[in-house]
PDB file of all heavy atoms in Angstrom:
ATOM      1  N   ILE A   1       4.538   1.667  -0.177  1.00  0.00           N
ATOM      2  CA  ILE A   1       3.691   2.340  -1.164  1.00  0.00           C
ATOM      3  C   ILE A   1       3.059   3.603  -0.571  1.00  0.00           C
ATOM      4  O   ILE A   1       2.889   4.612  -1.258  1.00  0.00           O
ATOM      5  CB  ILE A   1       2.590   1.387  -1.664  1.00  0.00           C
ATOM      6  CG1 ILE A   1       3.199   0.260  -2.511  1.00  0.00           C
ATOM      7  CG2 ILE A   1       1.546   2.136  -2.478  1.00  0.00           C
ATOM      8  CD1 ILE A   1       3.883   0.730  -3.764  1.00  0.00           C
ATOM      9  N   SER A   2       2.730   3.563   0.715  1.00  0.00           N
ATOM     10  CA  SER A   2       2.106   4.729   1.347  1.00  0.00           C
ATOM     11  C   SER A   2       2.989   5.965   1.290  1.00  0.00           C
ATOM     12  O   SER A   2       2.492   7.094   1.285  1.00  0.00           O
ATOM     13  CB  SER A   2       1.758   4.417   2.811  1.00  0.00           C
ATOM     14  OG  SER A   2       0.804   3.395   2.901  1.00  0.00           O
ATOM     15  N   ASP A   3       4.309   5.769   1.256  1.00  0.00           N
ATOM     16  CA  ASP A   3       5.239   6.897   1.239  1.00  0.00           C
ATOM     17  C   ASP A   3       5.359   7.536  -0.140  1.00  0.00           C
ATOM     18  O   ASP A   3       5.848   8.667  -0.262  1.00  0.00           O
ATOM     19  CB  ASP A   3       6.626   6.453   1.713  1.00  0.00           C
ATOM     20  CG  ASP A   3       6.644   6.082   3.181  1.00  0.00           C
ATOM     21  OD1 ASP A   3       5.767   6.561   3.923  1.00  0.00           O
ATOM     22  OD2 ASP A   3       7.535   5.304   3.590  1.00  0.00           O
ATOM     23  N   ILE A   4       4.976   6.809  -1.184  1.00  0.00           N
ATOM     24  CA  ILE A   4       5.099   7.325  -2.556  1.00  0.00           C
ATOM     25  C   ILE A   4       3.786   7.143  -3.301  1.00  0.00           C
ATOM     26  O   ILE A   4       3.754   6.943  -4.507  1.00  0.00           O
ATOM     27  CB  ILE A   4       6.250   6.615  -3.316  1.00  0.00           C
ATOM     28  CG1 ILE A   4       6.120   5.093  -3.219  1.00  0.00           C
ATOM     29  CG2 ILE A   4       7.605   7.079  -2.805  1.00  0.00           C
ATOM     30  CD1 ILE A   4       7.115   4.347  -4.082  1.00  0.00           C
ATOM     31  N   ASP A   5       2.675   7.222  -2.561  1.00  0.00           N
ATOM     32  CA  ASP A   5       1.369   6.912  -3.156  1.00  0.00           C
ATOM     33  C   ASP A   5       1.017   7.857  -4.297  1.00  0.00           C
ATOM     34  O   ASP A   5       0.406   7.454  -5.287  1.00  0.00           O
ATOM     35  CB  ASP A   5       0.283   6.945  -2.086  1.00  0.00           C
ATOM     36  CG  ASP A   5       0.115   8.316  -1.446  1.00  0.00           C
ATOM     37  OD1 ASP A   5       1.127   8.882  -0.982  1.00  0.00           O
ATOM     38  OD2 ASP A   5      -1.016   8.825  -1.417  1.00  0.00           O
ATOM     39  N   TYR A   6       1.412   9.127  -4.175  1.00  0.00           N
ATOM     40  CA  TYR A   6       1.095  10.095  -5.235  1.00  0.00           C
ATOM     41  C   TYR A   6       1.783   9.707  -6.539  1.00  0.00           C
ATOM     42  O   TYR A   6       1.183   9.728  -7.617  1.00  0.00           O
ATOM     43  CB  TYR A   6       1.523  11.496  -4.802  1.00  0.00           C
ATOM     44  CG  TYR A   6       1.462  12.520  -5.909  1.00  0.00           C
ATOM     45  CD1 TYR A   6       0.242  13.040  -6.317  1.00  0.00           C
ATOM     46  CD2 TYR A   6       2.624  12.948  -6.551  1.00  0.00           C
ATOM     47  CE1 TYR A   6       0.176  13.969  -7.351  1.00  0.00           C
ATOM     48  CE2 TYR A   6       2.563  13.870  -7.579  1.00  0.00           C
ATOM     49  CZ  TYR A   6       1.341  14.380  -7.970  1.00  0.00           C
ATOM     50  OH  TYR A   6       1.277  15.286  -8.997  1.00  0.00           O
ATOM     51  N   ILE A   7       3.057   9.312  -6.436  1.00  0.00           N
ATOM     52  CA  ILE A   7       3.821   8.936  -7.631  1.00  0.00           C
ATOM     53  C   ILE A   7       3.279   7.652  -8.237  1.00  0.00           C
ATOM     54  O   ILE A   7       3.056   7.546  -9.440  1.00  0.00           O
ATOM     55  CB  ILE A   7       5.310   8.779  -7.269  1.00  0.00           C
ATOM     56  CG1 ILE A   7       5.879  10.114  -6.795  1.00  0.00           C
ATOM     57  CG2 ILE A   7       6.109   8.254  -8.452  1.00  0.00           C
ATOM     58  CD1 ILE A   7       7.284  10.014  -6.217  1.00  0.00           C
ATOM     59  N   VAL A   8       3.031   6.658  -7.381  1.00  0.00           N
ATOM     60  CA  VAL A   8       2.575   5.356  -7.859  1.00  0.00           C
ATOM     61  C   VAL A   8       1.199   5.449  -8.504  1.00  0.00           C
ATOM     62  O   VAL A   8       0.942   4.838  -9.543  1.00  0.00           O
ATOM     63  CB  VAL A   8       2.560   4.349  -6.692  1.00  0.00           C
ATOM     64  CG1 VAL A   8       1.835   3.074  -7.085  1.00  0.00           C
ATOM     65  CG2 VAL A   8       3.979   4.030  -6.246  1.00  0.00           C
ATOM     66  N   SER A   9       0.300   6.221  -7.907  1.00  0.00           N
ATOM     67  CA  SER A   9      -1.070   6.254  -8.426  1.00  0.00           C
ATOM     68  C   SER A   9      -1.165   6.906  -9.797  1.00  0.00           C
ATOM     69  O   SER A   9      -2.162   6.737 -10.498  1.00  0.00           O
ATOM     70  CB  SER A   9      -1.995   6.974  -7.440  1.00  0.00           C
ATOM     71  OG  SER A   9      -1.682   8.350  -7.347  1.00  0.00           O
ATOM     72  N   LYS A  10      -0.127   7.632 -10.203  1.00  0.00           N
ATOM     73  CA  LYS A  10      -0.119   8.184 -11.560  1.00  0.00           C
ATOM     74  C   LYS A  10      -0.157   7.083 -12.613  1.00  0.00           C
ATOM     75  O   LYS A  10      -0.592   7.308 -13.746  1.00  0.00           O
ATOM     76  CB  LYS A  10       1.132   9.049 -11.775  1.00  0.00           C
ATOM     77  CG  LYS A  10       1.112  10.387 -11.074  1.00  0.00           C
ATOM     78  CD  LYS A  10       2.383  11.165 -11.398  1.00  0.00           C
ATOM     79  CE  LYS A  10       2.379  12.547 -10.787  1.00  0.00           C
ATOM     80  NZ  LYS A  10       3.613  13.308 -11.113  1.00  0.00           N
ATOM     81  N   GLN A  11       0.311   5.891 -12.240  1.00  0.00           N
ATOM     82  CA  GLN A  11       0.346   4.778 -13.190  1.00  0.00           C
ATOM     83  C   GLN A  11      -0.982   4.019 -13.255  1.00  0.00           C
ATOM     84  O   GLN A  11      -1.152   3.135 -14.086  1.00  0.00           O
ATOM     85  CB  GLN A  11       1.469   3.805 -12.817  1.00  0.00           C
ATOM     86  CG  GLN A  11       2.856   4.417 -12.847  1.00  0.00           C
ATOM     87  CD  GLN A  11       3.940   3.370 -12.637  1.00  0.00           C
ATOM     88  OE1 GLN A  11       3.789   2.224 -13.040  1.00  0.00           O
ATOM     89  NE2 GLN A  11       5.035   3.769 -12.004  1.00  0.00           N
ATOM     90  N   LEU A  12      -1.911   4.347 -12.367  1.00  0.00           N
ATOM     91  CA  LEU A  12      -3.155   3.590 -12.281  1.00  0.00           C
ATOM     92  C   LEU A  12      -4.247   4.195 -13.151  1.00  0.00           C
ATOM     93  O   LEU A  12      -4.357   5.412 -13.270  1.00  0.00           O
ATOM     94  CB  LEU A  12      -3.637   3.535 -10.832  1.00  0.00           C
ATOM     95  CG  LEU A  12      -2.707   2.895  -9.803  1.00  0.00           C
ATOM     96  CD1 LEU A  12      -3.342   2.935  -8.427  1.00  0.00           C
ATOM     97  CD2 LEU A  12      -2.377   1.468 -10.199  1.00  0.00           C
ATOM     98  N   LYS A  13      -5.078   3.313 -13.693  1.00  0.00           N
ATOM     99  CA  LYS A  13      -6.264   3.719 -14.443  1.00  0.00           C
ATOM    100  C   LYS A  13      -7.543   3.379 -13.688  1.00  0.00           C
ATOM    101  O   LYS A  13      -8.638   3.757 -14.110  1.00  0.00           O
ATOM    102  CB  LYS A  13      -6.281   3.027 -15.813  1.00  0.00           C
ATOM    103  CG  LYS A  13      -5.080   3.363 -16.691  1.00  0.00           C
ATOM    104  CD  LYS A  13      -4.996   4.852 -16.995  1.00  0.00           C
ATOM    105  CE  LYS A  13      -3.811   5.161 -17.904  1.00  0.00           C
ATOM    106  NZ  LYS A  13      -3.654   6.633 -18.116  1.00  0.00           N
ATOM    107  N   GLU A  14      -7.407   2.658 -12.593  1.00  0.00           N
ATOM    108  CA  GLU A  14      -8.555   2.242 -11.794  1.00  0.00           C
ATOM    109  C   GLU A  14      -8.141   2.167 -10.332  1.00  0.00           C
ATOM    110  O   GLU A  14      -6.946   2.108 -10.016  1.00  0.00           O
ATOM    111  CB  GLU A  14      -9.056   0.868 -12.253  1.00  0.00           C
ATOM    112  CG  GLU A  14      -8.000  -0.218 -12.090  1.00  0.00           C
ATOM    113  CD  GLU A  14      -8.439  -1.562 -12.613  1.00  0.00           C
ATOM    114  OE1 GLU A  14      -9.637  -1.733 -12.887  1.00  0.00           O
ATOM    115  OE2 GLU A  14      -7.573  -2.460 -12.737  1.00  0.00           O
ATOM    116  N   ALA A  15      -9.111   2.172  -9.432  1.00  0.00           N
ATOM    117  CA  ALA A  15      -8.826   2.023  -8.010  1.00  0.00           C
ATOM    118  C   ALA A  15      -8.392   0.589  -7.718  1.00  0.00           C
ATOM    119  O   ALA A  15      -8.911  -0.359  -8.318  1.00  0.00           O
ATOM    120  CB  ALA A  15     -10.057   2.371  -7.191  1.00  0.00           C
ATOM    121  N   VAL A  16      -7.439   0.434  -6.810  1.00  0.00           N
ATOM    122  CA  VAL A  16      -6.982  -0.890  -6.417  1.00  0.00           C
ATOM    123  C   VAL A  16      -6.947  -0.993  -4.896  1.00  0.00           C
ATOM    124  O   VAL A  16      -6.652  -0.013  -4.197  1.00  0.00           O
ATOM    125  CB  VAL A  16      -5.585  -1.234  -6.993  1.00  0.00           C
ATOM    126  CG1 VAL A  16      -5.625  -1.298  -8.502  1.00  0.00           C
ATOM    127  CG2 VAL A  16      -4.534  -0.246  -6.518  1.00  0.00           C
ATOM    128  N   ILE A  17      -7.267  -2.183  -4.400  1.00  0.00           N
ATOM    129  CA  ILE A  17      -7.127  -2.499  -2.983  1.00  0.00           C
ATOM    130  C   ILE A  17      -5.946  -3.448  -2.857  1.00  0.00           C
ATOM    131  O   ILE A  17      -5.987  -4.578  -3.375  1.00  0.00           O
ATOM    132  CB  ILE A  17      -8.404  -3.143  -2.419  1.00  0.00           C
ATOM    133  CG1 ILE A  17      -9.571  -2.139  -2.466  1.00  0.00           C
ATOM    134  CG2 ILE A  17      -8.175  -3.602  -0.981  1.00  0.00           C
ATOM    135  CD1 ILE A  17     -10.904  -2.745  -2.066  1.00  0.00           C
ATOM    136  N   ILE A  18      -4.888  -2.998  -2.219  1.00  0.00           N
ATOM    137  CA  ILE A  18      -3.658  -3.779  -2.095  1.00  0.00           C
ATOM    138  C   ILE A  18      -3.695  -4.539  -0.778  1.00  0.00           C
ATOM    139  O   ILE A  18      -3.885  -3.943   0.291  1.00  0.00           O
ATOM    140  CB  ILE A  18      -2.426  -2.862  -2.151  1.00  0.00           C
ATOM    141  CG1 ILE A  18      -2.431  -2.052  -3.452  1.00  0.00           C
ATOM    142  CG2 ILE A  18      -1.149  -3.676  -2.044  1.00  0.00           C
ATOM    143  CD1 ILE A  18      -1.361  -0.982  -3.508  1.00  0.00           C
ATOM    144  N   VAL A  19      -3.514  -5.866  -0.852  1.00  0.00           N
ATOM    145  CA  VAL A  19      -3.580  -6.713   0.338  1.00  0.00           C
ATOM    146  C   VAL A  19      -2.264  -7.474   0.504  1.00  0.00           C
ATOM    147  O   VAL A  19      -1.358  -7.339  -0.312  1.00  0.00           O
ATOM    148  CB  VAL A  19      -4.770  -7.697   0.253  1.00  0.00           C
ATOM    149  CG1 VAL A  19      -6.088  -6.937   0.193  1.00  0.00           C
ATOM    150  CG2 VAL A  19      -4.632  -8.617  -0.962  1.00  0.00           C
ATOM    151  N   ASP A  20      -2.178  -8.273   1.571  1.00  0.00           N
ATOM    152  CA  ASP A  20      -0.959  -9.022   1.886  1.00  0.00           C
ATOM    153  C   ASP A  20       0.246  -8.081   1.983  1.00  0.00           C
ATOM    154  O   ASP A  20       1.272  -8.257   1.325  1.00  0.00           O
ATOM    155  CB  ASP A  20      -0.691 -10.112   0.850  1.00  0.00           C
ATOM    156  CG  ASP A  20      -1.658 -11.273   0.978  1.00  0.00           C
ATOM    157  OD1 ASP A  20      -2.358 -11.331   2.001  1.00  0.00           O
ATOM    158  OD2 ASP A  20      -1.721 -12.114   0.064  1.00  0.00           O
ATOM    159  N   TYR A  21       0.103  -7.090   2.819  1.00  0.00           N
ATOM    160  CA  TYR A  21       1.146  -6.084   3.003  1.00  0.00           C
ATOM    161  C   TYR A  21       2.362  -6.677   3.717  1.00  0.00           C
ATOM    162  O   TYR A  21       2.210  -7.447   4.672  1.00  0.00           O
ATOM    163  CB  TYR A  21       0.575  -4.940   3.851  1.00  0.00           C
ATOM    164  CG  TYR A  21       0.661  -3.599   3.194  1.00  0.00           C
ATOM    165  CD1 TYR A  21      -0.132  -3.290   2.099  1.00  0.00           C
ATOM    166  CD2 TYR A  21       1.552  -2.639   3.651  1.00  0.00           C
ATOM    167  CE1 TYR A  21      -0.053  -2.056   1.496  1.00  0.00           C
ATOM    168  CE2 TYR A  21       1.642  -1.402   3.052  1.00  0.00           C
ATOM    169  CZ  TYR A  21       0.840  -1.114   1.973  1.00  0.00           C
ATOM    170  OH  TYR A  21       0.933   0.105   1.370  1.00  0.00           O
ATOM    171  N   PRO A  22       3.566  -6.310   3.292  1.00  0.00           N
ATOM    172  CA  PRO A  22       4.755  -6.732   4.056  1.00  0.00           C
ATOM    173  C   PRO A  22       4.673  -6.210   5.491  1.00  0.00           C
ATOM    174  O   PRO A  22       4.337  -5.046   5.722  1.00  0.00           O
ATOM    175  CB  PRO A  22       5.908  -6.067   3.296  1.00  0.00           C
ATOM    176  CG  PRO A  22       5.386  -5.862   1.909  1.00  0.00           C
ATOM    177  CD  PRO A  22       3.925  -5.569   2.076  1.00  0.00           C
ATOM    178  N   THR A  23       4.968  -7.079   6.435  1.00  0.00           N
ATOM    179  CA  THR A  23       4.873  -6.696   7.845  1.00  0.00           C
ATOM    180  C   THR A  23       5.741  -5.480   8.161  1.00  0.00           C
ATOM    181  O   THR A  23       5.378  -4.644   8.984  1.00  0.00           O
ATOM    182  CB  THR A  23       5.268  -7.886   8.731  1.00  0.00           C
ATOM    183  OG1 THR A  23       4.332  -8.947   8.524  1.00  0.00           O
ATOM    184  CG2 THR A  23       5.275  -7.507  10.200  1.00  0.00           C
ATOM    185  N   LYS A  24       6.888  -5.358   7.490  1.00  0.00           N
ATOM    186  CA  LYS A  24       7.785  -4.232   7.788  1.00  0.00           C
ATOM    187  C   LYS A  24       7.161  -2.891   7.418  1.00  0.00           C
ATOM    188  O   LYS A  24       7.598  -1.848   7.898  1.00  0.00           O
ATOM    189  CB  LYS A  24       9.110  -4.407   7.052  1.00  0.00           C
ATOM    190  CG  LYS A  24       9.020  -4.426   5.544  1.00  0.00           C
ATOM    191  CD  LYS A  24      10.381  -4.662   4.922  1.00  0.00           C
ATOM    192  CE  LYS A  24      10.308  -4.732   3.392  1.00  0.00           C
ATOM    193  NZ  LYS A  24      11.640  -4.970   2.782  1.00  0.00           N
ATOM    194  N   PHE A  25       6.128  -2.893   6.562  1.00  0.00           N
ATOM    195  CA  PHE A  25       5.457  -1.659   6.183  1.00  0.00           C
ATOM    196  C   PHE A  25       4.094  -1.505   6.865  1.00  0.00           C
ATOM    197  O   PHE A  25       3.506  -0.423   6.839  1.00  0.00           O
ATOM    198  CB  PHE A  25       5.250  -1.592   4.668  1.00  0.00           C
ATOM    199  CG  PHE A  25       6.527  -1.554   3.880  1.00  0.00           C
ATOM    200  CD1 PHE A  25       6.643  -2.248   2.683  1.00  0.00           C
ATOM    201  CD2 PHE A  25       7.620  -0.822   4.322  1.00  0.00           C
ATOM    202  CE1 PHE A  25       7.812  -2.210   1.941  1.00  0.00           C
ATOM    203  CE2 PHE A  25       8.794  -0.778   3.590  1.00  0.00           C
ATOM    204  CZ  PHE A  25       8.897  -1.483   2.395  1.00  0.00           C
ATOM    205  N   ALA A  26       3.570  -2.580   7.424  1.00  0.00           N
ATOM    206  CA  ALA A  26       2.225  -2.551   8.007  1.00  0.00           C
ATOM    207  C   ALA A  26       2.259  -1.910   9.395  1.00  0.00           C
ATOM    208  O   ALA A  26       3.288  -1.880  10.066  1.00  0.00           O
ATOM    209  CB  ALA A  26       1.660  -3.963   8.099  1.00  0.00           C
ATOM    210  N   THR A  27       1.116  -1.417   9.827  1.00  0.00           N
ATOM    211  CA  THR A  27       1.015  -0.847  11.170  1.00  0.00           C
ATOM    212  C   THR A  27       1.313  -1.916  12.216  1.00  0.00           C
ATOM    213  O   THR A  27       1.026  -3.104  12.017  1.00  0.00           O
ATOM    214  CB  THR A  27      -0.390  -0.265  11.407  1.00  0.00           C
ATOM    215  OG1 THR A  27      -0.494   0.146  12.778  1.00  0.00           O
ATOM    216  CG2 THR A  27      -1.481  -1.285  11.134  1.00  0.00           C
ATOM    217  N   TRP A  28       1.868  -1.498  13.344  1.00  0.00           N
ATOM    218  CA  TRP A  28       2.271  -2.446  14.390  1.00  0.00           C
ATOM    219  C   TRP A  28       1.078  -3.097  15.068  1.00  0.00           C
ATOM    220  O   TRP A  28       1.237  -4.088  15.782  1.00  0.00           O
ATOM    221  CB  TRP A  28       3.171  -1.774  15.412  1.00  0.00           C
ATOM    222  CG  TRP A  28       2.537  -0.686  16.220  1.00  0.00           C
ATOM    223  CD1 TRP A  28       2.363   0.603  15.866  1.00  0.00           C
ATOM    224  CD2 TRP A  28       2.007  -0.800  17.547  1.00  0.00           C
ATOM    225  NE1 TRP A  28       1.749   1.311  16.868  1.00  0.00           N
ATOM    226  CE2 TRP A  28       1.521   0.471  17.910  1.00  0.00           C
ATOM    227  CE3 TRP A  28       1.892  -1.853  18.444  1.00  0.00           C
ATOM    228  CZ2 TRP A  28       0.922   0.720  19.144  1.00  0.00           C
ATOM    229  CZ3 TRP A  28       1.297  -1.607  19.685  1.00  0.00           C
ATOM    230  CH2 TRP A  28       0.829  -0.340  20.023  1.00  0.00           C
ATOM    231  N   THR A  29      -0.122  -2.592  14.841  1.00  0.00           N
ATOM    232  CA  THR A  29      -1.315  -3.221  15.421  1.00  0.00           C
ATOM    233  C   THR A  29      -1.882  -4.323  14.529  1.00  0.00           C
ATOM    234  O   THR A  29      -2.866  -4.965  14.897  1.00  0.00           O
ATOM    235  CB  THR A  29      -2.427  -2.177  15.665  1.00  0.00           C
ATOM    236  OG1 THR A  29      -2.823  -1.602  14.412  1.00  0.00           O
ATOM    237  CG2 THR A  29      -1.954  -1.087  16.607  1.00  0.00           C
ATOM    238  N   SER A  30      -1.292  -4.551  13.361  1.00  0.00           N
ATOM    239  CA  SER A  30      -1.858  -5.522  12.419  1.00  0.00           C
ATOM    240  C   SER A  30      -1.481  -6.956  12.788  1.00  0.00           C
ATOM    241  O   SER A  30      -0.435  -7.212  13.379  1.00  0.00           O
ATOM    242  CB  SER A  30      -1.407  -5.214  10.994  1.00  0.00           C
ATOM    243  OG  SER A  30      -0.004  -5.309  10.883  1.00  0.00           O
ATOM    244  N   LYS A  31      -2.356  -7.873  12.405  1.00  0.00           N
ATOM    245  CA  LYS A  31      -2.137  -9.289  12.654  1.00  0.00           C
ATOM    246  C   LYS A  31      -1.224  -9.861  11.579  1.00  0.00           C
ATOM    247  O   LYS A  31      -1.419  -9.624  10.390  1.00  0.00           O
ATOM    248  CB  LYS A  31      -3.483 -10.020  12.643  1.00  0.00           C
ATOM    249  CG  LYS A  31      -3.425 -11.468  13.095  1.00  0.00           C
ATOM    250  CD  LYS A  31      -4.842 -12.036  13.178  1.00  0.00           C
ATOM    251  CE  LYS A  31      -4.836 -13.457  13.688  1.00  0.00           C
ATOM    252  NZ  LYS A  31      -6.224 -13.992  13.803  1.00  0.00           N
ATOM    253  N   LYS A  32      -0.232 -10.650  11.993  1.00  0.00           N
ATOM    254  CA  LYS A  32       0.738 -11.196  11.053  1.00  0.00           C
ATOM    255  C   LYS A  32       0.225 -12.467  10.392  1.00  0.00           C
ATOM    256  O   LYS A  32      -0.507 -13.253  10.993  1.00  0.00           O
ATOM    257  CB  LYS A  32       2.060 -11.495  11.768  1.00  0.00           C
ATOM    258  CG  LYS A  32       2.801 -10.263  12.256  1.00  0.00           C
ATOM    259  CD  LYS A  32       4.115 -10.653  12.903  1.00  0.00           C
ATOM    260  CE  LYS A  32       4.875  -9.435  13.408  1.00  0.00           C
ATOM    261  NZ  LYS A  32       6.153  -9.815  14.057  1.00  0.00           N
TER     262      LYS A  32
END
């Protein structure tokens, strides 16, 4: 989502906090 955040956020009407990120997209310092 971070790579296409501008495109995706066009569909939003409110702020969202996205959790449970796929490990393949999460930073390498994150806890699995």
